[in-house]
Amino acid sequence: MNTKRLATSYVLCAAWFLGVGGVHRLYNGKIVTGLLWLFTLGFFGIGQFVDLFLIPDMVEERDLKLKAKLGLSPNGVPLSGQVTAVVNDPAYNKLMQKILKSARNRGGIISATQAVLDTGANLAEVEAILKQLVKSGHAHIDNHPKTGMVIYRILGI
């Protein structure tokens, strides 16, 4: 998590004591509710108080949106350009087959780290292939129900 954005958000939230509410929401890209909070003094103080607990999620969501806009994965790995450059590469296709076989052995569900362990490839290569599978509609991104870890559900397996 971006600790600078988190700290700035809390400082902006504290601006409520100066008679300005909702600036932290505007800072984190929540324009409509930010304006509502701004014109109602933090939704009469109640919304401002509740936001003290919601700010970490707002910051994380904003960071993910900014990374996606820049073409980065949630881990900061560049996504654009990698996939299209290697699609016709025999090594790329062989790695994809290894990932798909690994997913089949796991009931069609695999994480990037499991794929790295099973194939011996590096994380950037595995994430590029998994992203291509999602982009082409052959997989869905989900979270493991118990651990919250990002998993890929490969369709048709």
Protein backbone atom coordinates (compact mmCIF):
# COMPACT_ATOMS: atom_id res chain seq x y z
CA MET A 1 0.00 0.00 0.00
CA ASN A 2 1.15 3.51 -0.76
CA THR A 3 1.93 4.84 2.72
CA LYS A 4 2.43 8.40 1.47
CA ARG A 5 -1.06 8.44 -0.07
CA LEU A 6 -2.46 6.88 3.13
CA ALA A 7 -0.85 9.51 5.36
CA THR A 8 -1.94 12.33 3.04
CA SER A 9 -5.49 10.98 3.05
CA TYR A 10 -5.64 11.00 6.85
CA VAL A 11 -4.25 14.54 6.96
CA LEU A 12 -6.87 15.67 4.44
CA CYS A 13 -9.55 13.89 6.46
CA ALA A 14 -8.44 15.88 9.51
CA ALA A 15 -9.18 19.06 7.53
CA TRP A 16 -12.76 18.52 8.72
CA PHE A 17 -11.73 20.24 11.96
CA LEU A 18 -11.03 23.32 9.82
CA GLY A 19 -14.52 23.19 8.33
CA VAL A 20 -13.64 21.34 5.12
CA GLY A 21 -14.92 17.78 4.65
CA GLY A 22 -14.44 15.26 1.88
CA VAL A 23 -11.10 16.48 0.53
CA HIS A 24 -9.62 13.04 1.22
CA ARG A 25 -12.32 11.51 -0.99
CA LEU A 26 -11.54 13.88 -3.84
CA TYR A 27 -7.83 13.07 -3.44
CA ASN A 28 -8.60 9.35 -3.81
CA GLY A 29 -10.76 9.77 -6.91
CA LYS A 30 -14.18 9.59 -5.26
CA ILE A 31 -15.45 12.74 -6.96
CA VAL A 32 -19.23 12.47 -6.43
CA THR A 33 -19.09 11.52 -2.75
CA GLY A 34 -16.17 13.90 -2.24
CA LEU A 35 -18.31 16.80 -3.44
CA LEU A 36 -21.22 15.60 -1.32
CA TRP A 37 -18.96 15.46 1.74
CA LEU A 38 -17.50 18.86 0.84
CA PHE A 39 -20.88 20.60 0.68
CA THR A 40 -22.33 18.83 3.76
CA LEU A 41 -19.25 19.13 6.01
CA GLY A 42 -18.36 15.46 5.78
CA PHE A 43 -21.98 14.37 5.53
CA PHE A 44 -22.63 16.16 8.82
CA GLY A 45 -19.53 14.62 10.41
CA ILE A 46 -20.92 11.09 10.35
CA GLY A 47 -19.47 10.22 6.96
CA GLN A 48 -16.19 11.81 7.89
CA PHE A 49 -15.94 9.61 11.00
CA VAL A 50 -16.86 6.44 9.10
CA ASP A 51 -14.22 7.28 6.50
CA LEU A 52 -11.51 6.98 9.14
CA PHE A 53 -12.02 3.23 8.79
CA LEU A 54 -12.55 3.24 5.01
CA ILE A 55 -9.52 5.30 4.00
CA PRO A 56 -7.11 2.32 3.67
CA ASP A 57 -9.49 0.66 1.18
CA MET A 58 -9.93 3.94 -0.71
CA VAL A 59 -6.16 4.32 -0.98
CA GLU A 60 -5.68 0.74 -2.15
CA GLU A 61 -8.46 1.05 -4.73
CA ARG A 62 -6.97 4.31 -6.05
CA ASP A 63 -3.51 2.75 -6.28
CA LEU A 64 -4.87 -0.21 -8.26
CA LYS A 65 -6.69 2.12 -10.66
CA LEU A 66 -3.58 4.23 -11.16
CA LYS A 67 -1.44 1.12 -11.78
CA ALA A 68 -3.99 -0.22 -14.27
CA LYS A 69 -4.01 3.13 -16.05
CA LEU A 70 -0.23 2.90 -16.35
CA GLY A 71 -0.43 -0.68 -17.68
CA LEU A 72 0.96 -2.30 -14.52
CA SER A 73 -0.22 -5.35 -12.62
CA PRO A 74 -1.19 -4.90 -8.95
CA ASN A 75 2.41 -5.88 -8.13
CA GLY A 76 3.82 -3.16 -10.41
CA VAL A 77 4.89 -5.50 -13.25
CA PRO A 78 4.41 -3.96 -16.73
CA LEU A 79 1.65 -5.72 -18.63
CA SER A 80 1.42 -4.02 -22.01
CA GLY A 81 3.84 -4.97 -24.73
CA GLN A 82 5.03 -8.20 -23.11
CA VAL A 83 2.13 -10.38 -24.15
CA THR A 84 1.87 -9.45 -27.81
CA ALA A 85 5.63 -9.67 -28.38
CA VAL A 86 5.87 -13.31 -27.30
CA VAL A 87 2.61 -14.92 -28.47
CA ASN A 88 4.28 -16.59 -31.49
CA ASP A 89 7.34 -17.63 -29.50
CA PRO A 90 7.60 -21.44 -29.11
CA ALA A 91 8.99 -21.01 -25.56
CA TYR A 92 5.95 -18.87 -24.67
CA ASN A 93 3.57 -21.50 -26.04
CA LYS A 94 5.38 -24.28 -24.19
CA LEU A 95 5.18 -22.32 -20.94
CA MET A 96 1.47 -21.72 -21.49
CA GLN A 97 0.95 -25.46 -21.92
CA LYS A 98 2.82 -26.13 -18.67
CA ILE A 99 0.66 -23.57 -16.84
CA LEU A 100 -2.54 -25.07 -18.28
CA LYS A 101 -1.47 -28.60 -17.31
CA SER A 102 -0.64 -27.38 -13.83
CA ALA A 103 -4.05 -25.72 -13.58
CA ARG A 104 -5.73 -28.92 -14.79
CA ASN A 105 -3.95 -30.86 -12.04
CA ARG A 106 -5.30 -28.33 -9.53
CA GLY A 107 -8.92 -28.50 -10.68
CA GLY A 108 -8.67 -25.57 -13.08
CA ILE A 109 -7.62 -23.09 -10.38
CA ILE A 110 -4.08 -21.76 -10.06
CA SER A 111 -2.23 -18.81 -8.57
CA ALA A 112 0.74 -17.10 -10.17
CA THR A 113 3.07 -18.40 -7.46
CA GLN A 114 1.83 -21.96 -7.91
CA ALA A 115 2.45 -21.64 -11.65
CA VAL A 116 5.98 -20.34 -10.99
CA LEU A 117 6.71 -23.30 -8.70
CA ASP A 118 5.25 -25.83 -11.15
CA THR A 119 6.90 -24.45 -14.30
CA GLY A 120 10.16 -22.94 -13.07
CA ALA A 121 9.43 -19.75 -15.05
CA ASN A 122 9.79 -16.29 -13.56
CA LEU A 123 6.81 -14.41 -12.15
CA ALA A 124 6.68 -11.78 -14.92
CA GLU A 125 6.43 -14.47 -17.63
CA VAL A 126 3.73 -16.37 -15.74
CA GLU A 127 1.70 -13.21 -15.04
CA ALA A 128 1.93 -12.21 -18.72
CA ILE A 129 0.50 -15.57 -19.78
CA LEU A 130 -2.23 -15.54 -17.14
CA LYS A 131 -3.17 -11.99 -18.15
CA GLN A 132 -3.38 -13.10 -21.78
CA LEU A 133 -5.69 -15.96 -20.77
CA VAL A 134 -7.94 -13.51 -18.92
CA LYS A 135 -7.85 -10.99 -21.76
CA SER A 136 -8.82 -13.64 -24.29
CA GLY A 137 -11.69 -14.89 -22.10
CA HIS A 138 -10.13 -18.25 -21.23
CA ALA A 139 -9.72 -17.45 -17.53
CA HIS A 140 -11.24 -15.35 -14.77
CA ILE A 141 -9.46 -13.63 -11.90
CA ASP A 142 -10.82 -14.35 -8.45
CA ASN A 143 -9.71 -14.46 -4.82
CA HIS A 144 -9.24 -17.62 -2.80
CA PRO A 145 -12.15 -17.73 -0.32
CA LYS A 146 -9.96 -18.52 2.72
CA THR A 147 -6.62 -16.81 2.03
CA GLY A 148 -7.72 -13.95 -0.23
CA MET A 149 -4.86 -14.80 -2.61
CA VAL A 150 -5.39 -13.91 -6.28
CA ILE A 151 -6.28 -17.03 -8.24
CA TYR A 152 -7.04 -17.70 -11.87
CA ARG A 153 -9.96 -19.93 -12.83
CA ILE A 154 -9.11 -21.49 -16.19
CA LEU A 155 -12.31 -22.10 -18.12
CA GLY A 156 -12.90 -25.41 -19.86
CA ILE A 157 -10.67 -27.46 -17.58
